[in-house]
Amino acid sequence: MKFSVPRRAAALSAVAALALAGFSGATADAAPSAAAAPDIPLANVKQHLTDLQSIASANGGNRAHGRTGYKASIDFVKAKLDAAGYTTTLQQFTSNGATGYNLIADWPGGDPNQVLMAGAHLDSVSSGAGINDNGSGSAAVLETALAVSRAGFQPTKHLRFGWWGAEELGLIGSKYYVNNLPSTERAKVSGYLNFDMIGSPNPGYFVYDDDPTIEQTFKSYFAGIGVPTEIETEGDGRSDHASFKNVGIPVGGLFTGASRVKTSAQVQKWGGTATAFDRCYHSSCDTTSNINDTALDRNSDAVAHAIWTLSAGTTTPPGKVFENAADVSIPDNGAAVTSTVDVTGITGNAPSALKVDVNIVHTYRGDLVVDLVAPDGSVYNLHNRSGGSADNLVQTYTVNASSEVANGAWKLRVQDRAAQDTGYINSFKLTFP
């Protein structure tokens, strides 16, 4: 990254939309959820990192732009993708008097007018092998692309993957790609997902705060495995997603931290120590020993989850979306708390198919009572201590709220009615078709 200065839980299947039909003040049965993405084998991702380390070791200790180690890295990734059935394109550019390379891989099929793209920069700094920065993101994207091939995945959208050169010199490769993409082709890219440093040895779990749908896809994944997240700020705008965002393409991504120091609150939240997230950032010690396996595993699975989820349909949901993504703590066996969204600009009443996305991280969902409260005080029960299980409540409801005036303050009210639990409202979203 360039700067200026447990496995998937069973509850994760609930991330897919669950329709509760004809619903008005009483709970209905949920429809079956969509198939989940495959688990990404950690051993495979780590093998890619071992191979990138070997390439660096054989080429002066790094994989930097203009050095033999970078071209060898590109050739390594390209060979894997060619063998897996991808159509690959090697794009050349010049920076600092040296030839650089981007690698683009297209998976056959899908709507060519709706392109979902995921990428990572493949270059390191000249001082080291760059295994966390950014072998980690590159390896996770590569293994997800190979998982697409193994599964014979045929999503609605067209899938494209990219590995960028000269990111460490100022996002040079990704800027070159975007700037040379005709405007008609840019308009076809429904979203770009960026993965830069996702295996930091003292990790945090950070989600880009850009496109709300992409952001929520990642937050829902981590909520489903009981891992709290925070908004990414350390590298905001300083990795390759910025090249896409600057031309109006929706972006999102993941990050586990670089040179900033983990706070004591973050240590309590994620474990680790109150030291740098990556003490080897841009240093010679950024080798295969500079990786946290748990973070790499979770984030690799999150990459696949996002690819499978976001390629199934349009990135931006139809209608107007109102969301409160601020965390609200739920007291143990205490008073109800609320997350509020202010709805404006909707004419007349709410629809008979108002979508309510609930994302609650909680140690025992069977202790929760969850209500939607309309602006006039009408209450629609969404969850009433049913589904007694030790997992989170990540679900989409459809509520018949046609008798309610749309504009005003809508509230998600949550109460924990038993002892010995911890949890919080991760987000609350209303979609008006």
Protein backbone atom coordinates (compact mmCIF):
# COMPACT_ATOMS: atom_id res chain seq x y z
CA MET A 1 0.00 0.00 0.00
CA LYS A 2 1.22 3.47 -0.88
CA PHE A 3 0.93 6.09 1.87
CA SER A 4 1.83 9.77 1.95
CA VAL A 5 3.18 9.49 5.36
CA PRO A 6 -12.86 -19.38 12.89
CA ARG A 7 -14.14 -20.14 9.50
CA ARG A 8 -17.44 -18.93 8.05
CA ALA A 9 -20.22 -19.51 10.59
CA ALA A 10 -23.44 -21.24 9.71
CA ALA A 11 -25.26 -17.97 10.32
CA LEU A 12 -23.54 -16.40 7.30
CA SER A 13 -26.07 -17.93 4.94
CA ALA A 14 -28.55 -15.44 6.38
CA VAL A 15 -26.65 -12.63 4.67
CA ALA A 16 -28.62 -13.42 1.52
CA ALA A 17 -32.01 -11.72 1.29
CA LEU A 18 -34.72 -13.53 3.22
CA ALA A 19 -38.22 -12.44 2.21
CA LEU A 20 -40.90 -12.38 4.86
CA ALA A 21 -44.01 -12.06 2.70
CA GLY A 22 -47.28 -10.28 3.50
CA PHE A 23 -45.80 -9.04 6.74
CA SER A 24 -47.62 -6.47 8.89
CA GLY A 25 -46.95 -6.63 12.62
CA ALA A 26 -46.43 -10.40 12.81
CA THR A 27 -43.52 -12.67 11.96
CA ALA A 28 -43.78 -14.90 8.87
CA ASP A 29 -41.62 -17.78 7.72
CA ALA A 30 -38.37 -16.94 5.93
CA ALA A 31 -37.67 -18.05 2.38
CA PRO A 32 -34.63 -20.28 1.75
CA SER A 33 -31.34 -18.39 1.45
CA ALA A 34 -29.07 -18.38 -1.59
CA ALA A 35 -26.02 -20.64 -1.81
CA ALA A 36 -22.94 -19.27 -0.08
CA ALA A 37 -19.54 -18.75 -1.65
CA PRO A 38 -17.04 -21.59 -1.27
CA ASP A 39 -14.54 -21.56 1.55
CA ILE A 40 -11.18 -20.32 0.26
CA PRO A 41 -8.47 -22.76 1.42
CA LEU A 42 -5.94 -20.92 3.58
CA ALA A 43 -3.25 -23.41 2.56
CA ASN A 44 -3.67 -22.43 -1.09
CA VAL A 45 -3.42 -18.71 -0.35
CA LYS A 46 -0.31 -19.29 1.77
CA GLN A 47 1.26 -21.36 -1.00
CA HIS A 48 0.88 -18.39 -3.35
CA LEU A 49 2.66 -16.25 -0.74
CA THR A 50 5.45 -18.82 -0.47
CA ASP A 51 5.85 -18.72 -4.24
CA LEU A 52 5.97 -14.91 -4.25
CA GLN A 53 8.58 -15.02 -1.47
CA SER A 54 10.67 -17.44 -3.56
CA ILE A 55 10.40 -15.10 -6.54
CA ALA A 56 11.63 -12.19 -4.43
CA SER A 57 14.46 -14.21 -2.92
CA ALA A 58 15.65 -15.20 -6.40
CA ASN A 59 15.49 -11.60 -7.66
CA GLY A 60 17.36 -9.40 -5.25
CA GLY A 61 14.92 -9.70 -2.35
CA ASN A 62 12.03 -7.69 -3.79
CA ARG A 63 9.26 -7.58 -6.41
CA ALA A 64 9.35 -3.85 -7.10
CA HIS A 65 8.36 -2.02 -10.28
CA GLY A 66 11.01 -2.23 -12.97
CA ARG A 67 12.81 -5.10 -11.26
CA THR A 68 12.98 -8.70 -12.46
CA GLY A 69 11.05 -9.87 -9.41
CA TYR A 70 7.95 -7.95 -10.46
CA LYS A 71 7.86 -9.37 -13.99
CA ALA A 72 8.39 -12.86 -12.54
CA SER A 73 5.43 -12.24 -10.19
CA ILE A 74 3.20 -11.20 -13.09
CA ASP A 75 4.24 -14.27 -15.10
CA PHE A 76 3.51 -16.52 -12.11
CA VAL A 77 -0.04 -15.18 -11.64
CA LYS A 78 -0.76 -15.17 -15.38
CA ALA A 79 0.23 -18.83 -15.77
CA LYS A 80 -2.18 -19.85 -13.01
CA LEU A 81 -5.06 -17.95 -14.60
CA ASP A 82 -4.35 -19.14 -18.13
CA ALA A 83 -4.44 -22.74 -16.93
CA ALA A 84 -7.76 -22.06 -15.16
CA GLY A 85 -9.51 -20.89 -18.31
CA TYR A 86 -9.29 -17.11 -17.99
CA THR A 87 -8.71 -14.72 -20.86
CA THR A 88 -5.67 -12.76 -19.71
CA THR A 89 -4.27 -9.47 -20.98
CA LEU A 90 -0.86 -8.05 -20.11
CA GLN A 91 -0.99 -4.24 -20.20
CA GLN A 92 2.31 -2.35 -20.42
CA PHE A 93 3.07 1.16 -19.24
CA THR A 94 6.18 3.18 -18.45
CA SER A 95 7.03 4.79 -15.12
CA ASN A 96 10.36 6.14 -13.86
CA GLY A 97 11.96 5.04 -17.09
CA ALA A 98 11.02 1.38 -16.57
CA THR A 99 8.36 -0.85 -18.10
CA GLY A 100 5.51 -1.76 -15.82
CA TYR A 101 2.73 -4.31 -16.19
CA ASN A 102 -0.90 -4.74 -15.25
CA LEU A 103 -2.51 -8.15 -15.55
CA ILE A 104 -6.23 -8.30 -16.42
CA ALA A 105 -8.14 -11.60 -16.29
CA ASP A 106 -11.68 -12.02 -17.61
CA TRP A 107 -13.86 -15.00 -16.71
CA PRO A 108 -15.98 -16.11 -19.70
CA GLY A 109 -19.70 -15.35 -19.49
CA GLY A 110 -21.86 -12.94 -17.59
CA ASP A 111 -23.46 -9.73 -18.76
CA PRO A 112 -20.73 -7.67 -20.51
CA ASN A 113 -22.69 -4.53 -19.65
CA GLN A 114 -22.40 -5.30 -15.92
CA VAL A 115 -18.80 -5.93 -14.91
CA LEU A 116 -17.77 -6.68 -11.33
CA MET A 117 -14.04 -6.24 -10.86
CA ALA A 118 -11.69 -7.16 -8.01
CA GLY A 119 -8.02 -6.32 -7.80
CA ALA A 120 -4.84 -5.87 -5.82
CA HIS A 121 -1.43 -4.38 -6.45
CA LEU A 122 1.27 -6.96 -7.07
CA ASP A 123 4.40 -4.82 -6.68
CA SER A 124 6.43 -4.50 -3.50
CA VAL A 125 8.68 -1.70 -2.35
CA SER A 126 12.36 -2.13 -3.22
CA SER A 127 13.33 -2.83 0.40
CA GLY A 128 11.57 -6.18 0.76
CA ALA A 129 9.49 -9.03 -0.63
CA GLY A 130 6.16 -7.32 0.14
CA ILE A 131 4.35 -10.42 1.38
CA ASN A 132 1.71 -8.61 3.41
CA ASP A 133 1.98 -5.46 1.26
CA ASN A 134 0.66 -6.68 -1.02
CA GLY A 135 1.22 -10.36 -1.59
CA SER A 136 -1.68 -10.94 0.80
CA GLY A 137 -4.28 -9.15 -1.31
CA SER A 138 -2.83 -10.47 -4.56
CA ALA A 139 -2.85 -14.07 -3.33
CA ALA A 140 -6.41 -13.86 -1.98
CA VAL A 141 -7.72 -12.41 -5.25
CA LEU A 142 -5.82 -15.07 -7.22
CA GLU A 143 -7.20 -17.94 -5.15
CA THR A 144 -10.74 -16.53 -5.39
CA ALA A 145 -10.37 -16.35 -9.16
CA LEU A 146 -9.20 -19.98 -9.17
CA ALA A 147 -12.19 -20.90 -6.96
CA VAL A 148 -14.49 -19.34 -9.57
CA SER A 149 -12.93 -21.68 -12.14
CA ARG A 150 -13.12 -24.76 -9.91
CA ALA A 151 -16.80 -24.10 -9.21
CA GLY A 152 -17.63 -23.38 -12.84
CA PHE A 153 -19.31 -20.28 -11.44
CA GLN A 154 -21.61 -18.52 -13.92
CA PRO A 155 -22.90 -15.34 -12.27
CA THR A 156 -25.23 -12.76 -13.73
CA LYS A 157 -22.43 -10.22 -14.02
CA HIS A 158 -19.20 -10.52 -15.95
CA LEU A 159 -16.21 -11.09 -13.64
CA ARG A 160 -12.89 -9.37 -14.16
CA PHE A 161 -9.78 -9.47 -11.96
CA GLY A 162 -6.77 -7.16 -12.00
CA TRP A 163 -3.23 -7.11 -10.57
CA TRP A 164 -1.65 -3.66 -10.66
CA GLY A 165 1.92 -2.55 -11.13
CA ALA A 166 3.75 0.46 -9.64
CA GLU A 167 1.15 1.10 -6.94
CA GLU A 168 3.97 1.92 -4.54
CA LEU A 169 5.04 4.77 -6.84
CA GLY A 170 1.62 6.44 -6.72
CA LEU A 171 -1.09 4.11 -8.08
CA ILE A 172 0.55 4.29 -11.51
CA GLY A 173 -0.70 0.97 -12.93
CA SER A 174 -4.34 1.30 -11.91
CA LYS A 175 -4.45 4.92 -13.07
CA TYR A 176 -3.10 3.81 -16.44
CA TYR A 177 -5.76 1.11 -16.71
CA VAL A 178 -8.65 3.42 -15.83
CA ASN A 179 -7.40 6.31 -17.96
CA ASN A 180 -7.12 4.03 -20.98
CA LEU A 181 -10.56 2.50 -20.46
CA PRO A 182 -13.02 4.17 -22.85
CA SER A 183 -15.88 5.97 -21.14
CA THR A 184 -18.36 3.45 -22.56
CA GLU A 185 -16.38 0.64 -20.90
CA ARG A 186 -16.05 2.51 -17.61
CA ALA A 187 -19.83 2.80 -17.51
CA LYS A 188 -20.09 -0.99 -17.62
CA VAL A 189 -18.07 -1.49 -14.41
CA SER A 190 -20.70 -1.78 -11.68
CA GLY A 191 -18.15 -2.04 -8.90
CA TYR A 192 -14.46 -2.42 -8.08
CA LEU A 193 -13.25 -4.27 -4.96
CA ASN A 194 -9.73 -3.56 -3.68
CA PHE A 195 -7.65 -5.73 -1.37
CA ASP A 196 -4.43 -4.20 -0.07
CA MET A 197 -2.79 -5.65 3.06
CA ILE A 198 -5.26 -8.20 4.45
CA GLY A 199 -2.95 -10.39 6.54
CA SER A 200 -1.26 -7.92 8.90
CA PRO A 201 0.48 -9.67 11.81
CA ASN A 202 -1.31 -7.57 14.48
CA PRO A 203 -4.54 -7.23 12.53
CA GLY A 204 -7.59 -5.04 12.64
CA TYR A 205 -10.64 -5.59 10.47
CA PHE A 206 -11.31 -2.48 8.41
CA VAL A 207 -13.94 -1.99 5.69
CA TYR A 208 -13.80 0.80 3.11
CA ASP A 209 -16.49 3.44 3.65
CA ASP A 210 -17.34 4.15 0.02
CA ASP A 211 -20.19 2.49 -1.90
CA PRO A 212 -22.83 1.60 0.74
CA THR A 213 -23.91 -1.68 -0.88
CA ILE A 214 -20.36 -2.98 -1.19
CA GLU A 215 -19.56 -1.78 2.33
CA GLN A 216 -22.59 -3.56 3.77
CA THR A 217 -21.73 -6.77 1.91
CA PHE A 218 -18.41 -6.92 3.76
CA LYS A 219 -19.88 -5.81 7.09
CA SER A 220 -22.55 -8.49 6.82
CA TYR A 221 -19.94 -11.15 6.18
CA PHE A 222 -17.90 -10.22 9.24
CA ALA A 223 -21.02 -9.84 11.39
CA GLY A 224 -21.97 -13.35 10.31
CA ILE A 225 -18.76 -14.75 11.80
CA GLY A 226 -18.93 -12.54 14.88
CA VAL A 227 -16.00 -10.26 14.00
CA PRO A 228 -16.55 -6.52 14.60
CA THR A 229 -15.31 -4.11 11.95
CA GLU A 230 -14.32 -0.46 11.75
CA ILE A 231 -14.29 2.00 8.89
CA GLU A 232 -10.93 2.12 7.10
CA THR A 233 -9.18 5.50 7.42
CA GLU A 234 -5.42 4.87 7.44
CA GLY A 235 -5.16 4.26 3.72
CA ASP A 236 -8.27 6.10 2.56
CA GLY A 237 -7.77 7.07 -1.07
CA ARG A 238 -4.18 5.83 -1.10
CA SER A 239 -4.60 2.48 -2.79
CA ASP A 240 -5.79 1.46 -6.24
CA HIS A 241 -9.49 1.86 -5.50
CA ALA A 242 -8.90 5.63 -5.68
CA SER A 243 -8.15 5.36 -9.41
CA PHE A 244 -11.60 3.85 -9.96
CA LYS A 245 -13.43 6.06 -7.49
CA ASN A 246 -12.07 9.20 -9.14
CA VAL A 247 -13.90 8.36 -12.37
CA GLY A 248 -17.19 7.55 -10.67
CA ILE A 249 -16.96 3.76 -10.37
CA PRO A 250 -18.41 2.38 -7.08
CA VAL A 251 -15.62 0.97 -4.90
CA GLY A 252 -15.09 -0.97 -1.69
CA GLY A 253 -12.52 -3.17 -0.04
CA LEU A 254 -10.75 -4.55 3.03
CA PHE A 255 -7.63 -3.73 5.03
CA THR A 256 -5.97 -5.05 8.21
CA GLY A 257 -3.75 -2.08 9.08
CA ALA A 258 -0.25 -0.80 8.38
CA SER A 259 2.01 1.49 10.41
CA ARG A 260 -0.59 2.99 12.74
CA VAL A 261 -0.64 1.72 16.32
CA LYS A 262 -3.56 -0.43 17.46
CA THR A 263 -5.41 1.34 20.26
CA SER A 264 -6.22 -0.28 23.60
CA ALA A 265 -9.90 -0.34 22.58
CA GLN A 266 -8.96 -2.13 19.37
CA VAL A 267 -6.85 -4.62 21.34
CA GLN A 268 -9.92 -5.40 23.45
CA LYS A 269 -12.00 -5.77 20.31
CA TRP A 270 -9.62 -7.84 18.16
CA GLY A 271 -6.81 -9.07 20.39
CA GLY A 272 -3.15 -8.48 19.66
CA THR A 273 -1.00 -5.75 21.18
CA ALA A 274 -0.98 -1.94 21.32
CA THR A 275 1.73 -1.76 18.66
CA ALA A 276 1.70 -1.22 14.90
CA PHE A 277 -0.74 -3.32 12.91
CA ASP A 278 2.23 -4.23 10.70
CA ARG A 279 5.63 -3.55 12.26
CA CYS A 280 7.29 -4.66 9.00
CA TYR A 281 5.39 -2.22 6.79
CA HIS A 282 7.63 -1.26 3.82
CA SER A 283 10.55 -3.11 5.43
CA SER A 284 12.78 -6.06 4.66
CA CYS A 285 11.01 -8.16 7.31
CA ASP A 286 7.76 -8.18 5.28
CA THR A 287 8.20 -11.87 4.50
CA THR A 288 6.04 -14.97 4.85
CA SER A 289 6.62 -14.78 8.62
CA ASN A 290 4.84 -11.40 8.63
CA ILE A 291 1.33 -12.83 8.14
CA ASN A 292 -1.48 -13.51 10.59
CA ASP A 293 -3.14 -16.70 9.36
CA THR A 294 -6.51 -16.00 10.96
CA ALA A 295 -6.80 -12.56 9.38
CA LEU A 296 -5.66 -13.87 6.00
CA ASP A 297 -8.18 -16.72 6.18
CA ARG A 298 -11.12 -14.54 7.21
CA ASN A 299 -10.38 -11.88 4.62
CA SER A 300 -9.83 -14.39 1.82
CA ASP A 301 -13.24 -15.88 2.57
CA ALA A 302 -14.68 -12.35 2.61
CA VAL A 303 -13.25 -11.73 -0.87
CA ALA A 304 -15.08 -14.78 -2.19
CA HIS A 305 -18.26 -13.88 -0.34
CA ALA A 306 -18.30 -10.43 -1.95
CA ILE A 307 -17.59 -11.80 -5.43
CA TRP A 308 -20.38 -14.38 -5.18
CA THR A 309 -22.85 -11.93 -3.63
CA LEU A 310 -22.25 -8.83 -5.73
CA SER A 311 -22.01 -10.65 -9.06
CA ALA A 312 -25.49 -12.12 -8.64
CA GLY A 313 -27.29 -8.93 -9.65
CA THR A 314 -27.02 -5.18 -9.74
CA THR A 315 -24.57 -3.59 -7.33
CA THR A 316 -26.96 -0.75 -6.47
CA PRO A 317 -30.33 -1.96 -5.19
CA PRO A 318 -33.45 -0.49 -6.84
CA GLY A 319 -35.23 2.37 -5.16
CA LYS A 320 -34.07 4.77 -2.47
CA VAL A 321 -31.91 3.46 0.37
CA PHE A 322 -31.62 4.99 3.84
CA GLU A 323 -29.09 3.51 6.25
CA ASN A 324 -27.63 4.01 9.70
CA ALA A 325 -24.30 2.16 9.87
CA ALA A 326 -23.30 3.49 13.31
CA ASP A 327 -22.79 0.80 15.94
CA VAL A 328 -25.33 0.89 18.80
CA SER A 329 -24.47 -1.14 21.91
CA ILE A 330 -27.18 -3.48 23.23
CA PRO A 331 -27.13 -3.68 27.06
CA ASP A 332 -27.26 -7.15 28.56
CA ASN A 333 -30.76 -7.94 29.84
CA GLY A 334 -31.50 -4.21 29.81
CA ALA A 335 -33.54 -1.47 28.23
CA ALA A 336 -34.27 -1.38 24.51
CA VAL A 337 -32.00 0.68 22.28
CA THR A 338 -32.70 2.17 18.86
CA SER A 339 -30.94 2.88 15.58
CA THR A 340 -32.70 5.61 13.59
CA VAL A 341 -32.86 6.45 9.91
CA ASP A 342 -34.48 9.68 8.74
CA VAL A 343 -36.46 9.14 5.55
CA THR A 344 -36.96 12.13 3.26
CA GLY A 345 -38.05 12.74 -0.30
CA ILE A 346 -40.58 9.88 -0.51
CA THR A 347 -44.06 10.88 -1.67
CA GLY A 348 -47.03 9.50 0.22
CA ASN A 349 -47.05 6.27 2.21
CA ALA A 350 -44.43 3.57 2.55
CA PRO A 351 -44.73 0.63 0.12
CA SER A 352 -46.30 -2.72 0.84
CA ALA A 353 -42.86 -4.24 0.18
CA LEU A 354 -40.62 -2.11 2.38
CA LYS A 355 -37.26 -3.89 2.76
CA VAL A 356 -35.70 -3.82 6.21
CA ASP A 357 -32.08 -4.98 6.50
CA VAL A 358 -31.10 -5.92 10.04
CA ASN A 359 -27.47 -6.56 10.96
CA ILE A 360 -27.01 -7.36 14.65
CA VAL A 361 -23.87 -8.89 16.15
CA HIS A 362 -24.95 -10.77 19.27
CA THR A 363 -23.82 -13.83 21.19
CA TYR A 364 -27.31 -15.34 21.34
CA ARG A 365 -30.03 -14.27 18.90
CA GLY A 366 -32.66 -16.22 20.85
CA ASP A 367 -32.61 -13.53 23.54
CA LEU A 368 -33.45 -10.65 21.20
CA VAL A 369 -36.69 -8.81 20.53
CA VAL A 370 -36.43 -6.67 17.41
CA ASP A 371 -39.09 -4.21 16.20
CA LEU A 372 -39.43 -1.73 13.39
CA VAL A 373 -41.03 1.46 14.70
CA ALA A 374 -42.70 3.72 12.13
CA PRO A 375 -42.64 7.53 12.40
CA ASP A 376 -46.14 7.57 13.93
CA GLY A 377 -45.15 5.00 16.57
CA SER A 378 -46.65 1.90 14.91
CA VAL A 379 -44.66 -1.22 15.78
CA TYR A 380 -43.84 -4.12 13.45
CA ASN A 381 -42.27 -7.08 15.18
CA LEU A 382 -39.37 -8.54 13.19
CA HIS A 383 -37.87 -11.00 15.66
CA ASN A 384 -39.31 -12.16 18.97
CA ARG A 385 -36.76 -14.39 20.71
CA SER A 386 -37.27 -17.05 18.07
CA GLY A 387 -34.44 -18.96 16.44
CA GLY A 388 -32.69 -19.74 19.72
CA SER A 389 -29.10 -20.10 18.57
CA ALA A 390 -25.68 -18.76 19.39
CA ASP A 391 -25.25 -16.63 16.33
CA ASN A 392 -25.98 -13.20 14.92
CA LEU A 393 -29.11 -11.74 13.35
CA VAL A 394 -28.22 -10.77 9.79
CA GLN A 395 -31.43 -10.75 7.81
CA THR A 396 -33.62 -8.90 5.31
CA TYR A 397 -37.34 -8.58 6.03
CA THR A 398 -40.15 -7.37 3.79
CA VAL A 399 -42.73 -5.37 5.72
CA ASN A 400 -46.17 -4.24 4.59
CA ALA A 401 -46.04 -0.64 5.80
CA SER A 402 -48.46 0.81 3.26
CA SER A 403 -50.51 2.46 6.00
CA GLU A 404 -47.53 4.51 7.19
CA VAL A 405 -46.41 7.92 5.95
CA ALA A 406 -42.97 7.33 4.44
CA ASN A 407 -41.13 10.47 5.52
CA GLY A 408 -39.89 10.72 9.09
CA ALA A 409 -37.77 8.93 11.67
CA TRP A 410 -37.93 5.13 11.40
CA LYS A 411 -36.36 3.17 14.23
CA LEU A 412 -34.96 -0.30 14.70
CA ARG A 413 -35.66 -1.12 18.35
CA VAL A 414 -33.68 -3.95 19.93
CA GLN A 415 -33.86 -5.40 23.43
CA ASP A 416 -31.85 -8.20 25.01
CA ARG A 417 -34.18 -10.00 27.46
CA ALA A 418 -31.79 -12.47 29.09
CA ALA A 419 -28.51 -12.32 30.98
CA GLN A 420 -24.93 -13.09 29.96
CA ASP A 421 -24.93 -11.70 26.43
CA THR A 422 -22.97 -9.12 24.49
CA GLY A 423 -23.84 -7.43 21.24
CA TYR A 424 -24.55 -4.36 19.18
CA ILE A 425 -26.59 -3.16 16.21
CA ASN A 426 -24.13 -3.16 13.32
CA SER A 427 -26.43 -1.45 10.81
CA PHE A 428 -30.07 -0.78 9.96
CA LYS A 429 -31.20 -0.08 6.40
CA LEU A 430 -34.54 0.67 4.70
CA THR A 431 -35.01 0.25 0.96
CA PHE A 432 -38.04 1.86 -0.71
CA PRO A 433 -38.71 0.12 -4.07
